[in-house]
Amino acid sequence: MQRHYATPEPTPAEVVLTKAVVRAATLLGLTHAALARIVGLSEASISRMASGKRHFELDTKPAELATLLVRVYRSLDALVGNDDRQRRAWMDSFNRAFNQTPREAVQTAEGLVQVLRYLDGARALA
């Protein structure tokens, strides 16, 4: 017989982070599979998060990476003026700073940090 353990209620911060990450990923044109690679969780976990059945746990590595992805979205959005087409075009364009597209780069922790630093630097110049 399989035992089911009650999961603790998520904190308001965990709910907000989860919703923000799912929204940011969608607006960046990232699939659930890509988001799973970025934060180090299974695609099934991401699907449960998208449906509100699971949440990021604060003070974990996936939550830390998720927070970085939200920062990438916010920085890019500030640069492109909330333009979906420009945002997705930037994510899909080869960038010599990363030697790949930003969409590919963000799928590793090192690439995620590199993209965030690049965008923060571009915002500082703007």
N, C-alpha and C. Protein backbone atom coordinates (compact mmCIF):
# COMPACT_ATOMS: atom_id res chain seq x y z
N MET A 1 0.84 -1.17 0.00
CA MET A 1 0.00 0.00 0.00
C MET A 1 0.89 1.25 0.00
N GLN A 2 0.58 2.17 -0.87
CA GLN A 2 1.35 3.40 -0.98
C GLN A 2 0.83 4.41 0.03
N ARG A 3 1.77 5.04 0.73
CA ARG A 3 1.38 6.04 1.72
C ARG A 3 1.47 7.43 1.08
N HIS A 4 0.53 8.25 1.38
CA HIS A 4 0.53 9.62 0.88
C HIS A 4 0.78 10.55 2.05
N TYR A 5 1.76 11.40 1.88
CA TYR A 5 2.10 12.35 2.93
C TYR A 5 1.55 13.71 2.54
N ALA A 6 1.01 14.38 3.50
CA ALA A 6 0.48 15.73 3.25
C ALA A 6 1.65 16.68 3.01
N THR A 7 1.53 17.47 1.99
CA THR A 7 2.56 18.48 1.74
C THR A 7 2.16 19.75 2.47
N PRO A 8 3.13 20.44 3.02
CA PRO A 8 2.78 21.68 3.74
C PRO A 8 2.23 22.73 2.78
N GLU A 9 1.38 23.56 3.29
CA GLU A 9 0.84 24.66 2.48
C GLU A 9 1.99 25.57 2.08
N PRO A 10 2.02 26.00 0.83
CA PRO A 10 3.08 26.91 0.41
C PRO A 10 2.92 28.27 1.07
N THR A 11 4.03 28.93 1.28
CA THR A 11 3.97 30.28 1.82
C THR A 11 3.53 31.23 0.70
N PRO A 12 3.06 32.40 1.04
CA PRO A 12 2.70 33.37 -0.01
C PRO A 12 3.89 33.67 -0.94
N ALA A 13 5.08 33.73 -0.39
CA ALA A 13 6.27 34.00 -1.22
C ALA A 13 6.52 32.87 -2.21
N GLU A 14 6.28 31.64 -1.79
CA GLU A 14 6.46 30.50 -2.69
C GLU A 14 5.43 30.52 -3.82
N VAL A 15 4.22 30.90 -3.50
CA VAL A 15 3.17 31.00 -4.51
C VAL A 15 3.53 32.08 -5.52
N VAL A 16 3.94 33.24 -5.04
CA VAL A 16 4.30 34.35 -5.92
C VAL A 16 5.48 33.98 -6.81
N LEU A 17 6.53 33.38 -6.23
CA LEU A 17 7.68 32.99 -7.02
C LEU A 17 7.29 32.00 -8.11
N THR A 18 6.50 31.02 -7.76
CA THR A 18 6.09 30.01 -8.74
C THR A 18 5.31 30.64 -9.89
N LYS A 19 4.35 31.48 -9.57
CA LYS A 19 3.56 32.14 -10.62
C LYS A 19 4.45 33.03 -11.49
N ALA A 20 5.37 33.75 -10.85
CA ALA A 20 6.26 34.65 -11.60
C ALA A 20 7.17 33.87 -12.55
N VAL A 21 7.68 32.74 -12.10
CA VAL A 21 8.57 31.95 -12.94
C VAL A 21 7.83 31.34 -14.12
N VAL A 22 6.66 30.80 -13.86
CA VAL A 22 5.88 30.20 -14.95
C VAL A 22 5.51 31.27 -15.97
N ARG A 23 5.13 32.44 -15.51
CA ARG A 23 4.77 33.54 -16.42
C ARG A 23 5.99 34.02 -17.20
N ALA A 24 7.12 34.21 -16.50
CA ALA A 24 8.34 34.67 -17.16
C ALA A 24 8.77 33.67 -18.23
N ALA A 25 8.74 32.40 -17.90
CA ALA A 25 9.13 31.38 -18.88
C ALA A 25 8.23 31.42 -20.11
N THR A 26 6.94 31.56 -19.88
CA THR A 26 5.99 31.64 -20.99
C THR A 26 6.30 32.85 -21.87
N LEU A 27 6.50 34.00 -21.25
CA LEU A 27 6.75 35.22 -22.01
C LEU A 27 8.12 35.22 -22.69
N LEU A 28 9.05 34.43 -22.18
CA LEU A 28 10.35 34.28 -22.84
C LEU A 28 10.30 33.21 -23.92
N GLY A 29 9.17 32.53 -24.04
CA GLY A 29 9.02 31.50 -25.07
C GLY A 29 9.69 30.19 -24.69
N LEU A 30 9.82 29.94 -23.39
CA LEU A 30 10.45 28.71 -22.94
C LEU A 30 9.40 27.63 -22.69
N THR A 31 9.69 26.43 -23.12
CA THR A 31 8.80 25.30 -22.89
C THR A 31 8.94 24.81 -21.45
N HIS A 32 8.03 23.94 -21.05
CA HIS A 32 8.15 23.33 -19.72
C HIS A 32 9.43 22.52 -19.63
N ALA A 33 9.81 21.87 -20.72
CA ALA A 33 11.05 21.08 -20.73
C ALA A 33 12.27 21.98 -20.52
N ALA A 34 12.28 23.13 -21.20
CA ALA A 34 13.39 24.07 -21.04
C ALA A 34 13.43 24.62 -19.62
N LEU A 35 12.27 24.99 -19.08
CA LEU A 35 12.21 25.51 -17.71
C LEU A 35 12.70 24.45 -16.73
N ALA A 36 12.33 23.21 -16.96
CA ALA A 36 12.79 22.11 -16.09
C ALA A 36 14.31 22.02 -16.10
N ARG A 37 14.93 22.14 -17.27
CA ARG A 37 16.40 22.11 -17.36
C ARG A 37 17.01 23.30 -16.63
N ILE A 38 16.40 24.45 -16.77
CA ILE A 38 16.94 25.67 -16.16
C ILE A 38 16.97 25.57 -14.64
N VAL A 39 15.87 25.10 -14.05
CA VAL A 39 15.78 25.09 -12.59
C VAL A 39 16.16 23.75 -11.97
N GLY A 40 16.42 22.75 -12.79
CA GLY A 40 16.86 21.47 -12.27
C GLY A 40 15.76 20.62 -11.67
N LEU A 41 14.57 20.71 -12.23
CA LEU A 41 13.45 19.87 -11.78
C LEU A 41 12.95 19.06 -12.97
N SER A 42 12.05 18.14 -12.71
CA SER A 42 11.47 17.35 -13.80
C SER A 42 10.43 18.16 -14.55
N GLU A 43 10.18 17.76 -15.77
CA GLU A 43 9.14 18.42 -16.56
C GLU A 43 7.78 18.22 -15.90
N ALA A 44 7.57 17.07 -15.27
CA ALA A 44 6.31 16.81 -14.56
C ALA A 44 6.13 17.79 -13.40
N SER A 45 7.21 18.08 -12.69
CA SER A 45 7.14 19.06 -11.59
C SER A 45 6.76 20.43 -12.12
N ILE A 46 7.33 20.81 -13.25
CA ILE A 46 7.02 22.11 -13.85
C ILE A 46 5.55 22.14 -14.27
N SER A 47 5.05 21.06 -14.83
CA SER A 47 3.64 21.00 -15.22
C SER A 47 2.74 21.16 -14.00
N ARG A 48 3.12 20.53 -12.89
CA ARG A 48 2.32 20.68 -11.66
C ARG A 48 2.39 22.12 -11.15
N MET A 49 3.55 22.75 -11.30
CA MET A 49 3.67 24.16 -10.89
C MET A 49 2.80 25.05 -11.75
N ALA A 50 2.78 24.78 -13.05
CA ALA A 50 1.96 25.59 -13.97
C ALA A 50 0.48 25.46 -13.66
N SER A 51 0.09 24.31 -13.12
CA SER A 51 -1.32 24.12 -12.77
C SER A 51 -1.62 24.49 -11.32
N GLY A 52 -0.62 24.97 -10.59
CA GLY A 52 -0.82 25.41 -9.22
C GLY A 52 -0.81 24.30 -8.18
N LYS A 53 -0.41 23.09 -8.58
CA LYS A 53 -0.42 21.96 -7.66
C LYS A 53 0.91 21.76 -6.92
N ARG A 54 1.92 22.48 -7.35
CA ARG A 54 3.22 22.40 -6.70
C ARG A 54 3.84 23.79 -6.74
N HIS A 55 4.76 24.05 -5.80
CA HIS A 55 5.40 25.37 -5.73
C HIS A 55 6.89 25.22 -5.45
N PHE A 56 7.63 26.24 -5.83
CA PHE A 56 9.05 26.27 -5.47
C PHE A 56 9.15 26.39 -3.96
N GLU A 57 10.10 25.70 -3.39
CA GLU A 57 10.39 25.83 -1.96
C GLU A 57 11.52 26.84 -1.82
N LEU A 58 11.28 27.88 -1.05
CA LEU A 58 12.30 28.91 -0.86
C LEU A 58 13.56 28.30 -0.26
N ASP A 59 14.68 28.95 -0.49
CA ASP A 59 15.98 28.51 0.03
C ASP A 59 16.43 27.17 -0.53
N THR A 60 16.03 26.88 -1.77
CA THR A 60 16.51 25.69 -2.47
C THR A 60 17.19 26.15 -3.76
N LYS A 61 18.01 25.29 -4.32
CA LYS A 61 18.70 25.62 -5.57
C LYS A 61 17.70 25.89 -6.71
N PRO A 62 16.65 25.07 -6.88
CA PRO A 62 15.68 25.39 -7.94
C PRO A 62 15.05 26.78 -7.76
N ALA A 63 14.74 27.16 -6.52
CA ALA A 63 14.15 28.48 -6.28
C ALA A 63 15.14 29.59 -6.59
N GLU A 64 16.40 29.35 -6.28
CA GLU A 64 17.44 30.34 -6.58
C GLU A 64 17.57 30.53 -8.09
N LEU A 65 17.61 29.43 -8.83
CA LEU A 65 17.70 29.51 -10.30
C LEU A 65 16.44 30.13 -10.89
N ALA A 66 15.29 29.81 -10.31
CA ALA A 66 14.03 30.39 -10.76
C ALA A 66 14.02 31.91 -10.59
N THR A 67 14.56 32.36 -9.47
CA THR A 67 14.64 33.80 -9.20
C THR A 67 15.53 34.49 -10.24
N LEU A 68 16.62 33.84 -10.61
CA LEU A 68 17.49 34.40 -11.65
C LEU A 68 16.77 34.50 -12.98
N LEU A 69 15.95 33.50 -13.31
CA LEU A 69 15.21 33.54 -14.56
C LEU A 69 14.20 34.70 -14.56
N VAL A 70 13.55 34.94 -13.44
CA VAL A 70 12.62 36.07 -13.35
C VAL A 70 13.40 37.37 -13.55
N ARG A 71 14.59 37.46 -12.99
CA ARG A 71 15.41 38.66 -13.18
C ARG A 71 15.81 38.83 -14.65
N VAL A 72 16.11 37.74 -15.34
CA VAL A 72 16.41 37.81 -16.78
C VAL A 72 15.20 38.39 -17.51
N TYR A 73 14.03 37.85 -17.23
CA TYR A 73 12.82 38.35 -17.87
C TYR A 73 12.63 39.84 -17.60
N ARG A 74 12.75 40.25 -16.36
CA ARG A 74 12.51 41.66 -16.01
C ARG A 74 13.52 42.58 -16.68
N SER A 75 14.78 42.17 -16.72
CA SER A 75 15.80 43.00 -17.36
C SER A 75 15.55 43.11 -18.86
N LEU A 76 15.25 41.98 -19.49
CA LEU A 76 15.00 42.00 -20.94
C LEU A 76 13.74 42.80 -21.24
N ASP A 77 12.71 42.62 -20.45
CA ASP A 77 11.46 43.34 -20.66
C ASP A 77 11.67 44.85 -20.57
N ALA A 78 12.51 45.28 -19.63
CA ALA A 78 12.80 46.71 -19.50
C ALA A 78 13.51 47.24 -20.75
N LEU A 79 14.33 46.41 -21.36
CA LEU A 79 15.08 46.85 -22.54
C LEU A 79 14.23 46.88 -23.81
N VAL A 80 13.28 45.95 -23.92
CA VAL A 80 12.48 45.88 -25.15
C VAL A 80 11.12 46.55 -25.00
N GLY A 81 10.86 47.16 -23.87
CA GLY A 81 9.62 47.90 -23.69
C GLY A 81 8.38 47.04 -23.73
N ASN A 82 8.43 45.86 -23.12
CA ASN A 82 7.27 44.97 -23.03
C ASN A 82 6.77 44.53 -24.41
N ASP A 83 7.68 44.40 -25.37
CA ASP A 83 7.32 43.98 -26.73
C ASP A 83 7.61 42.48 -26.88
N ASP A 84 6.55 41.68 -26.97
CA ASP A 84 6.70 40.22 -27.06
C ASP A 84 7.56 39.80 -28.23
N ARG A 85 7.33 40.40 -29.38
CA ARG A 85 8.09 40.03 -30.58
C ARG A 85 9.58 40.29 -30.40
N GLN A 86 9.92 41.47 -29.87
CA GLN A 86 11.34 41.80 -29.67
C GLN A 86 11.96 40.90 -28.60
N ARG A 87 11.20 40.60 -27.56
CA ARG A 87 11.71 39.75 -26.49
C ARG A 87 12.06 38.37 -27.04
N ARG A 88 11.15 37.79 -27.79
CA ARG A 88 11.39 36.45 -28.34
C ARG A 88 12.47 36.47 -29.42
N ALA A 89 12.51 37.54 -30.21
CA ALA A 89 13.57 37.65 -31.22
C ALA A 89 14.94 37.71 -30.56
N TRP A 90 15.05 38.44 -29.46
CA TRP A 90 16.32 38.52 -28.75
C TRP A 90 16.70 37.14 -28.19
N MET A 91 15.73 36.44 -27.64
CA MET A 91 16.01 35.12 -27.07
C MET A 91 16.47 34.13 -28.14
N ASP A 92 16.02 34.30 -29.39
CA ASP A 92 16.33 33.36 -30.47
C ASP A 92 17.49 33.79 -31.36
N SER A 93 18.05 34.98 -31.11
CA SER A 93 19.14 35.48 -31.96
C SER A 93 20.49 35.06 -31.40
N PHE A 94 21.37 34.63 -32.29
CA PHE A 94 22.72 34.25 -31.87
C PHE A 94 23.39 35.47 -31.25
N ASN A 95 24.05 35.26 -30.14
CA ASN A 95 24.73 36.35 -29.43
C ASN A 95 26.18 35.94 -29.22
N ARG A 96 27.09 36.73 -29.75
CA ARG A 96 28.52 36.39 -29.64
C ARG A 96 29.01 36.41 -28.20
N ALA A 97 28.35 37.17 -27.33
CA ALA A 97 28.75 37.21 -25.93
C ALA A 97 28.58 35.84 -25.27
N PHE A 98 27.61 35.06 -25.76
CA PHE A 98 27.34 33.72 -25.20
C PHE A 98 27.78 32.61 -26.14
N ASN A 99 28.09 32.97 -27.38
CA ASN A 99 28.43 32.03 -28.44
C ASN A 99 27.28 31.04 -28.70
N GLN A 100 26.08 31.50 -28.48
CA GLN A 100 24.85 30.75 -28.72
C GLN A 100 23.68 31.71 -28.53
N THR A 101 22.47 31.22 -28.70
CA THR A 101 21.32 32.07 -28.46
C THR A 101 21.10 32.19 -26.95
N PRO A 102 20.52 33.28 -26.48
CA PRO A 102 20.19 33.38 -25.07
C PRO A 102 19.27 32.24 -24.60
N ARG A 103 18.36 31.80 -25.46
CA ARG A 103 17.47 30.69 -25.12
C ARG A 103 18.28 29.44 -24.77
N GLU A 104 19.34 29.18 -25.52
CA GLU A 104 20.22 28.04 -25.23
C GLU A 104 21.06 28.32 -23.98
N ALA A 105 21.55 29.53 -23.87
CA ALA A 105 22.46 29.87 -22.78
C ALA A 105 21.81 29.73 -21.41
N VAL A 106 20.56 30.17 -21.28
CA VAL A 106 19.92 30.16 -19.96
C VAL A 106 19.63 28.77 -19.43
N GLN A 107 19.84 27.75 -20.23
CA GLN A 107 19.53 26.40 -19.80
C GLN A 107 20.63 25.75 -18.97
N THR A 108 21.69 26.51 -18.69
CA THR A 108 22.69 26.07 -17.71
C THR A 108 22.81 27.18 -16.67
N ALA A 109 23.22 26.82 -15.47
CA ALA A 109 23.35 27.82 -14.40
C ALA A 109 24.36 28.89 -14.80
N GLU A 110 25.48 28.48 -15.36
CA GLU A 110 26.50 29.44 -15.77
C GLU A 110 25.97 30.37 -16.86
N GLY A 111 25.26 29.81 -17.83
CA GLY A 111 24.69 30.62 -18.90
C GLY A 111 23.61 31.56 -18.41
N LEU A 112 22.81 31.09 -17.46
CA LEU A 112 21.76 31.92 -16.88
C LEU A 112 22.36 33.16 -16.22
N VAL A 113 23.41 32.96 -15.45
CA VAL A 113 24.08 34.08 -14.79
C VAL A 113 24.73 34.99 -15.83
N GLN A 114 25.32 34.40 -16.85
CA GLN A 114 25.97 35.20 -17.90
C GLN A 114 24.95 36.07 -18.63
N VAL A 115 23.80 35.53 -18.97
CA VAL A 115 22.75 36.30 -19.65
C VAL A 115 22.25 37.41 -18.73
N LEU A 116 22.06 37.11 -17.47
CA LEU A 116 21.60 38.13 -16.53
C LEU A 116 22.60 39.27 -16.41
N ARG A 117 23.88 38.95 -16.31
CA ARG A 117 24.91 40.00 -16.23
C ARG A 117 24.94 40.84 -17.50
N TYR A 118 24.80 40.19 -18.64
CA TYR A 118 24.78 40.89 -19.93
C TYR A 118 23.62 41.88 -19.96
N LEU A 119 22.43 41.41 -19.59
CA LEU A 119 21.25 42.28 -19.61
C LEU A 119 21.36 43.41 -18.58
N ASP A 120 21.85 43.10 -17.39
CA ASP A 120 22.03 44.15 -16.38
C ASP A 120 23.01 45.21 -16.88
N GLY A 121 24.07 44.76 -17.57
CA GLY A 121 25.04 45.71 -18.13
C GLY A 121 24.41 46.57 -19.21
N ALA A 122 23.59 45.96 -20.06
CA ALA A 122 22.90 46.71 -21.12
C ALA A 122 21.93 47.72 -20.54
N ARG A 123 21.26 47.35 -19.46
CA ARG A 123 20.33 48.29 -18.80
C ARG A 123 21.08 49.45 -18.19
N ALA A 124 22.26 49.21 -17.65
CA ALA A 124 23.05 50.28 -17.05
C ALA A 124 23.46 51.29 -18.10
N LEU A 125 23.69 50.83 -19.33
CA LEU A 125 24.09 51.74 -20.42
C LEU A 125 22.90 52.51 -20.98
N ALA A 126 21.70 51.96 -20.82
CA ALA A 126 20.51 52.59 -21.41
C ALA A 126 20.05 53.81 -20.65
